């Protein structure tokens, strides 16, 4: 695998992780009443954000894992 491809994949995994954390924070702020959205939306954002931050990077890494001869 080329260095450019590895760097791109690493960057995509980190962006996925950070976007999940951002979604979870927005969800938590909504649940706490700091953001004017329905509380159900806050729980949904928190749940999706946690899943996004914890599981999506692993799934991407598995998908991109190179097969060894």
PDB file of N, CA and C in Angstrom:
ATOM      1  N   UNK A   1       0.858  -1.175   0.000  1.00  0.00           N
ATOM      2  CA  UNK A   1       0.000   0.000   0.000  1.00  0.00           C
ATOM      3  C   UNK A   1       0.900   1.232   0.000  1.00  0.00           C
ATOM      4  N   UNK A   2       0.520   2.206  -0.775  1.00  0.00           N
ATOM      5  CA  UNK A   2       1.324   3.412  -0.852  1.00  0.00           C
ATOM      6  C   UNK A   2       1.127   4.262   0.398  1.00  0.00           C
ATOM      7  N   UNK A   3       2.116   5.121   0.646  1.00  0.00           N
ATOM      8  CA  UNK A   3       2.046   5.995   1.823  1.00  0.00           C
ATOM      9  C   UNK A   3       0.885   6.969   1.725  1.00  0.00           C
ATOM     10  N   UNK A   4       0.604   7.467   0.524  1.00  0.00           N
ATOM     11  CA  UNK A   4      -0.499   8.420   0.358  1.00  0.00           C
ATOM     12  C   UNK A   4      -1.845   7.775   0.685  1.00  0.00           C
ATOM     13  N   UNK A   5      -2.042   6.555   0.261  1.00  0.00           N
ATOM     14  CA  UNK A   5      -3.290   5.857   0.539  1.00  0.00           C
ATOM     15  C   UNK A   5      -3.435   5.608   2.042  1.00  0.00           C
ATOM     16  N   UNK A   6      -2.360   5.209   2.686  1.00  0.00           N
ATOM     17  CA  UNK A   6      -2.403   4.964   4.131  1.00  0.00           C
ATOM     18  C   UNK A   6      -2.697   6.253   4.890  1.00  0.00           C
ATOM     19  N   UNK A   7      -2.093   7.351   4.482  1.00  0.00           N
ATOM     20  CA  UNK A   7      -2.349   8.638   5.138  1.00  0.00           C
ATOM     21  C   UNK A   7      -3.795   9.074   4.948  1.00  0.00           C
ATOM     22  N   UNK A   8      -4.315   8.872   3.748  1.00  0.00           N
ATOM     23  CA  UNK A   8      -5.701   9.241   3.471  1.00  0.00           C
ATOM     24  C   UNK A   8      -6.667   8.419   4.313  1.00  0.00           C
ATOM     25  N   UNK A   9      -6.413   7.130   4.406  1.00  0.00           N
ATOM     26  CA  UNK A   9      -7.286   6.275   5.205  1.00  0.00           C
ATOM     27  C   UNK A   9      -7.205   6.636   6.686  1.00  0.00           C
ATOM     28  N   UNK A  10      -6.009   6.908   7.174  1.00  0.00           N
ATOM     29  CA  UNK A  10      -5.855   7.315   8.570  1.00  0.00           C
ATOM     30  C   UNK A  10      -6.618   8.600   8.842  1.00  0.00           C
ATOM     31  N   UNK A  11      -6.513   9.555   7.937  1.00  0.00           N
ATOM     32  CA  UNK A  11      -7.216  10.824   8.101  1.00  0.00           C
ATOM     33  C   UNK A  11      -8.729  10.617   8.099  1.00  0.00           C
ATOM     34  N   UNK A  12      -9.217   9.767   7.234  1.00  0.00           N
ATOM     35  CA  UNK A  12     -10.661   9.494   7.184  1.00  0.00           C
ATOM     36  C   UNK A  12     -11.148   8.841   8.471  1.00  0.00           C
ATOM     37  N   UNK A  13     -10.365   7.933   9.023  1.00  0.00           N
ATOM     38  CA  UNK A  13     -10.742   7.297  10.282  1.00  0.00           C
ATOM     39  C   UNK A  13     -10.784   8.324  11.410  1.00  0.00           C
ATOM     40  N   UNK A  14      -9.817   9.220  11.449  1.00  0.00           N
ATOM     41  CA  UNK A  14      -9.798  10.237  12.500  1.00  0.00           C
ATOM     42  C   UNK A  14     -10.958  11.222  12.355  1.00  0.00           C
ATOM     43  N   UNK A  15     -11.292  11.578  11.131  1.00  0.00           N
ATOM     44  CA  UNK A  15     -12.436  12.467  10.901  1.00  0.00           C
ATOM     45  C   UNK A  15     -13.726  11.776  11.333  1.00  0.00           C
ATOM     46  N   UNK A  16     -13.852  10.492  11.054  1.00  0.00           N
ATOM     47  CA  UNK A  16     -15.030   9.742  11.482  1.00  0.00           C
ATOM     48  C   UNK A  16     -15.136   9.745  13.001  1.00  0.00           C
ATOM     49  N   UNK A  17     -14.022   9.527  13.660  1.00  0.00           N
ATOM     50  CA  UNK A  17     -14.004   9.504  15.118  1.00  0.00           C
ATOM     51  C   UNK A  17     -14.376  10.869  15.696  1.00  0.00           C
ATOM     52  N   UNK A  18     -13.800  11.926  15.157  1.00  0.00           N
ATOM     53  CA  UNK A  18     -14.085  13.276  15.649  1.00  0.00           C
ATOM     54  C   UNK A  18     -15.527  13.703  15.373  1.00  0.00           C
ATOM     55  N   UNK A  19     -16.054  13.322  14.227  1.00  0.00           N
ATOM     56  CA  UNK A  19     -17.442  13.681  13.935  1.00  0.00           C
ATOM     57  C   UNK A  19     -18.397  12.950  14.871  1.00  0.00           C
ATOM     58  N   UNK A  20     -18.064  11.727  15.245  1.00  0.00           N
ATOM     59  CA  UNK A  20     -18.874  11.005  16.209  1.00  0.00           C
ATOM     60  C   UNK A  20     -18.865  11.669  17.577  1.00  0.00           C
ATOM     61  N   UNK A  21     -17.696  12.122  17.997  1.00  0.00           N
ATOM     62  CA  UNK A  21     -17.594  12.830  19.278  1.00  0.00           C
ATOM     63  C   UNK A  21     -18.385  14.133  19.225  1.00  0.00           C
ATOM     64  N   UNK A  22     -18.293  14.846  18.114  1.00  0.00           N
ATOM     65  CA  UNK A  22     -19.033  16.105  17.977  1.00  0.00           C
ATOM     66  C   UNK A  22     -20.546  15.858  18.042  1.00  0.00           C
ATOM     67  N   UNK A  23     -21.014  14.817  17.368  1.00  0.00           N
ATOM     68  CA  UNK A  23     -22.439  14.484  17.426  1.00  0.00           C
ATOM     69  C   UNK A  23     -22.864  14.128  18.848  1.00  0.00           C
ATOM     70  N   UNK A  24     -22.038  13.378  19.544  1.00  0.00           N
ATOM     71  CA  UNK A  24     -22.370  12.994  20.916  1.00  0.00           C
ATOM     72  C   UNK A  24     -22.420  14.213  21.832  1.00  0.00           C
ATOM     73  N   UNK A  25     -21.518  15.154  21.632  1.00  0.00           N
ATOM     74  CA  UNK A  25     -21.519  16.371  22.447  1.00  0.00           C
ATOM     75  C   UNK A  25     -22.772  17.198  22.169  1.00  0.00           C
ATOM     76  N   UNK A  26     -23.132  17.348  20.917  1.00  0.00           N
ATOM     77  CA  UNK A  26     -24.354  18.084  20.579  1.00  0.00           C
ATOM     78  C   UNK A  26     -25.570  17.376  21.181  1.00  0.00           C
ATOM     79  N   UNK A  27     -25.591  16.063  21.139  1.00  0.00           N
ATOM     80  CA  UNK A  27     -26.678  15.315  21.745  1.00  0.00           C
ATOM     81  C   UNK A  27     -26.739  15.517  23.252  1.00  0.00           C
ATOM     82  N   UNK A  28     -25.597  15.495  23.905  1.00  0.00           N
ATOM     83  CA  UNK A  28     -25.560  15.700  25.355  1.00  0.00           C
ATOM     84  C   UNK A  28     -25.998  17.115  25.721  1.00  0.00           C
ATOM     85  N   UNK A  29     -25.573  18.097  24.945  1.00  0.00           N
ATOM     86  CA  UNK A  29     -25.995  19.475  25.202  1.00  0.00           C
ATOM     87  C   UNK A  29     -27.498  19.648  24.988  1.00  0.00           C
ATOM     88  N   UNK A  30     -28.031  18.932  24.024  1.00  0.00           N
ATOM     89  CA  UNK A  30     -29.476  18.991  23.782  1.00  0.00           C
ATOM     90  C   UNK A  30     -30.235  18.367  24.944  1.00  0.00           C
ATOM     91  N   UNK A  31     -29.759  17.236  25.435  1.00  0.00           N
ATOM     92  CA  UNK A  31     -30.403  16.579  26.571  1.00  0.00           C
ATOM     93  C   UNK A  31     -30.343  17.472  27.802  1.00  0.00           C
ATOM     94  N   UNK A  32     -29.237  18.186  27.975  1.00  0.00           N
ATOM     95  CA  UNK A  32     -29.073  19.068  29.131  1.00  0.00           C
ATOM     96  C   UNK A  32     -29.878  20.357  28.989  1.00  0.00           C
ATOM     97  N   UNK A  33     -30.452  20.598  27.826  1.00  0.00           N
ATOM     98  CA  UNK A  33     -31.264  21.791  27.625  1.00  0.00           C
ATOM     99  C   UNK A  33     -30.482  23.013  27.184  1.00  0.00           C
ATOM    100  N   UNK A  34     -29.228  22.848  26.840  1.00  0.00           N
ATOM    101  CA  UNK A  34     -28.402  23.971  26.386  1.00  0.00           C
ATOM    102  C   UNK A  34     -28.637  24.321  24.925  1.00  0.00           C
ATOM    103  N   UNK A  35     -29.128  23.361  24.156  1.00  0.00           N
ATOM    104  CA  UNK A  35     -29.452  23.574  22.742  1.00  0.00           C
ATOM    105  C   UNK A  35     -30.956  23.344  22.589  1.00  0.00           C
ATOM    106  N   UNK A  36     -31.601  24.241  21.864  1.00  0.00           N
ATOM    107  CA  UNK A  36     -33.061  24.205  21.745  1.00  0.00           C
ATOM    108  C   UNK A  36     -33.493  23.240  20.636  1.00  0.00           C
ATOM    109  N   UNK A  37     -33.452  21.960  20.957  1.00  0.00           N
ATOM    110  CA  UNK A  37     -33.950  20.898  20.092  1.00  0.00           C
ATOM    111  C   UNK A  37     -34.782  19.959  20.962  1.00  0.00           C
ATOM    112  N   UNK A  38     -35.643  19.167  20.360  1.00  0.00           N
ATOM    113  CA  UNK A  38     -36.400  18.192  21.166  1.00  0.00           C
ATOM    114  C   UNK A  38     -35.457  17.205  21.854  1.00  0.00           C
ATOM    115  N   UNK A  39     -35.825  16.786  23.046  1.00  0.00           N
ATOM    116  CA  UNK A  39     -34.962  15.896  23.819  1.00  0.00           C
ATOM    117  C   UNK A  39     -34.761  14.560  23.107  1.00  0.00           C
ATOM    118  N   UNK A  40     -35.765  14.131  22.331  1.00  0.00           N
ATOM    119  CA  UNK A  40     -35.632  12.885  21.567  1.00  0.00           C
ATOM    120  C   UNK A  40     -34.512  13.001  20.536  1.00  0.00           C
ATOM    121  N   UNK A  41     -34.408  14.175  19.933  1.00  0.00           N
ATOM    122  CA  UNK A  41     -33.321  14.403  18.977  1.00  0.00           C
ATOM    123  C   UNK A  41     -31.976  14.339  19.687  1.00  0.00           C
ATOM    124  N   UNK A  42     -31.916  14.839  20.911  1.00  0.00           N
ATOM    125  CA  UNK A  42     -30.680  14.779  21.684  1.00  0.00           C
ATOM    126  C   UNK A  42     -30.248  13.347  21.948  1.00  0.00           C
ATOM    127  N   UNK A  43     -31.203  12.498  22.341  1.00  0.00           N
ATOM    128  CA  UNK A  43     -30.874  11.092  22.578  1.00  0.00           C
ATOM    129  C   UNK A  43     -30.437  10.403  21.289  1.00  0.00           C
ATOM    130  N   UNK A  44     -31.101  10.721  20.188  1.00  0.00           N
ATOM    131  CA  UNK A  44     -30.728  10.127  18.902  1.00  0.00           C
ATOM    132  C   UNK A  44     -29.320  10.562  18.496  1.00  0.00           C
ATOM    133  N   UNK A  45     -29.015  11.855  18.633  1.00  0.00           N
ATOM    134  CA  UNK A  45     -27.685  12.345  18.286  1.00  0.00           C
ATOM    135  C   UNK A  45     -26.611  11.728  19.178  1.00  0.00           C
ATOM    136  N   UNK A  46     -26.897  11.613  20.451  1.00  0.00           N
ATOM    137  CA  UNK A  46     -25.940  11.003  21.374  1.00  0.00           C
ATOM    138  C   UNK A  46     -25.680   9.555  20.999  1.00  0.00           C
ATOM    139  N   UNK A  47     -26.730   8.809  20.733  1.00  0.00           N
ATOM    140  CA  UNK A  47     -26.593   7.396  20.370  1.00  0.00           C
ATOM    141  C   UNK A  47     -25.818   7.224  19.062  1.00  0.00           C
ATOM    142  N   UNK A  48     -26.196   7.989  18.053  1.00  0.00           N
ATOM    143  CA  UNK A  48     -25.511   7.899  16.757  1.00  0.00           C
ATOM    144  C   UNK A  48     -24.058   8.342  16.879  1.00  0.00           C
ATOM    145  N   UNK A  49     -23.806   9.387  17.655  1.00  0.00           N
ATOM    146  CA  UNK A  49     -22.445   9.862  17.845  1.00  0.00           C
ATOM    147  C   UNK A  49     -21.554   8.839  18.519  1.00  0.00           C
ATOM    148  N   UNK A  50     -22.075   8.175  19.539  1.00  0.00           N
ATOM    149  CA  UNK A  50     -21.281   7.150  20.229  1.00  0.00           C
ATOM    150  C   UNK A  50     -20.988   5.989  19.289  1.00  0.00           C
ATOM    151  N   UNK A  51     -21.994   5.542  18.561  1.00  0.00           N
ATOM    152  CA  UNK A  51     -21.764   4.469  17.590  1.00  0.00           C
ATOM    153  C   UNK A  51     -20.751   4.879  16.525  1.00  0.00           C
ATOM    154  N   UNK A  52     -20.886   6.111  16.066  1.00  0.00           N
ATOM    155  CA  UNK A  52     -19.994   6.638  15.040  1.00  0.00           C
ATOM    156  C   UNK A  52     -18.557   6.701  15.546  1.00  0.00           C
ATOM    157  N   UNK A  53     -18.363   7.134  16.764  1.00  0.00           N
ATOM    158  CA  UNK A  53     -17.014   7.293  17.310  1.00  0.00           C
ATOM    159  C   UNK A  53     -16.370   5.963  17.679  1.00  0.00           C
ATOM    160  N   UNK A  54     -17.167   5.015  18.132  1.00  0.00           N
ATOM    161  CA  UNK A  54     -16.587   3.770  18.628  1.00  0.00           C
ATOM    162  C   UNK A  54     -16.504   2.651  17.597  1.00  0.00           C
ATOM    163  N   UNK A  55     -17.508   2.520  16.749  1.00  0.00           N
ATOM    164  CA  UNK A  55     -17.567   1.350  15.882  1.00  0.00           C
ATOM    165  C   UNK A  55     -17.201   1.611  14.424  1.00  0.00           C
ATOM    166  N   UNK A  56     -17.491   2.788  13.915  1.00  0.00           N
ATOM    167  CA  UNK A  56     -17.222   3.044  12.496  1.00  0.00           C
ATOM    168  C   UNK A  56     -15.734   3.006  12.149  1.00  0.00           C
ATOM    169  N   UNK A  57     -14.834   3.557  12.969  1.00  0.00           N
ATOM    170  CA  UNK A  57     -13.414   3.429  12.616  1.00  0.00           C
ATOM    171  C   UNK A  57     -12.956   1.976  12.513  1.00  0.00           C
ATOM    172  N   UNK A  58     -13.456   1.126  13.382  1.00  0.00           N
ATOM    173  CA  UNK A  58     -13.103  -0.293  13.327  1.00  0.00           C
ATOM    174  C   UNK A  58     -13.637  -0.939  12.053  1.00  0.00           C
ATOM    175  N   UNK A  59     -14.867  -0.610  11.703  1.00  0.00           N
ATOM    176  CA  UNK A  59     -15.439  -1.171  10.485  1.00  0.00           C
ATOM    177  C   UNK A  59     -14.684  -0.711   9.240  1.00  0.00           C
ATOM    178  N   UNK A  60     -14.312   0.562   9.223  1.00  0.00           N
ATOM    179  CA  UNK A  60     -13.532   1.058   8.085  1.00  0.00           C
ATOM    180  C   UNK A  60     -12.176   0.370   8.000  1.00  0.00           C
ATOM    181  N   UNK A  61     -11.518   0.216   9.141  1.00  0.00           N
ATOM    182  CA  UNK A  61     -10.203  -0.431   9.142  1.00  0.00           C
ATOM    183  C   UNK A  61     -10.300  -1.873   8.668  1.00  0.00           C
ATOM    184  N   UNK A  62     -11.337  -2.586   9.077  1.00  0.00           N
ATOM    185  CA  UNK A  62     -11.523  -3.964   8.605  1.00  0.00           C
ATOM    186  C   UNK A  62     -11.771  -4.006   7.105  1.00  0.00           C
ATOM    187  N   UNK A  63     -12.555  -3.047   6.643  1.00  0.00           N
ATOM    188  CA  UNK A  63     -12.871  -3.029   5.213  1.00  0.00           C
ATOM    189  C   UNK A  63     -11.625  -2.758   4.371  1.00  0.00           C
ATOM    190  N   UNK A  64     -10.758  -1.896   4.893  1.00  0.00           N
ATOM    191  CA  UNK A  64      -9.574  -1.509   4.143  1.00  0.00           C
ATOM    192  C   UNK A  64      -8.366  -2.393   4.407  1.00  0.00           C
ATOM    193  N   UNK A  65      -8.486  -3.345   5.301  1.00  0.00           N
ATOM    194  CA  UNK A  65      -7.330  -4.180   5.661  1.00  0.00           C
ATOM    195  C   UNK A  65      -6.824  -4.905   4.431  1.00  0.00           C
ATOM    196  N   UNK A  66      -5.536  -4.818   4.228  1.00  0.00           N
ATOM    197  CA  UNK A  66      -4.953  -5.451   3.049  1.00  0.00           C
ATOM    198  C   UNK A  66      -4.805  -6.953   3.299  1.00  0.00           C
ATOM    199  N   UNK A  67      -5.006  -7.698   2.251  1.00  0.00           N
ATOM    200  CA  UNK A  67      -4.867  -9.148   2.343  1.00  0.00           C
ATOM    201  C   UNK A  67      -3.408  -9.501   2.113  1.00  0.00           C
ATOM    202  N   UNK A  68      -2.928 -10.346   2.991  1.00  0.00           N
ATOM    203  CA  UNK A  68      -1.519 -10.746   2.877  1.00  0.00           C
ATOM    204  C   UNK A  68      -1.431 -12.055   2.079  1.00  0.00           C
ATOM    205  N   UNK A  69      -0.469 -12.129   1.185  1.00  0.00           N
ATOM    206  CA  UNK A  69      -0.346 -13.344   0.349  1.00  0.00           C
ATOM    207  C   UNK A  69       0.113 -14.556   1.124  1.00  0.00           C
TER     208      UNK A  69
END
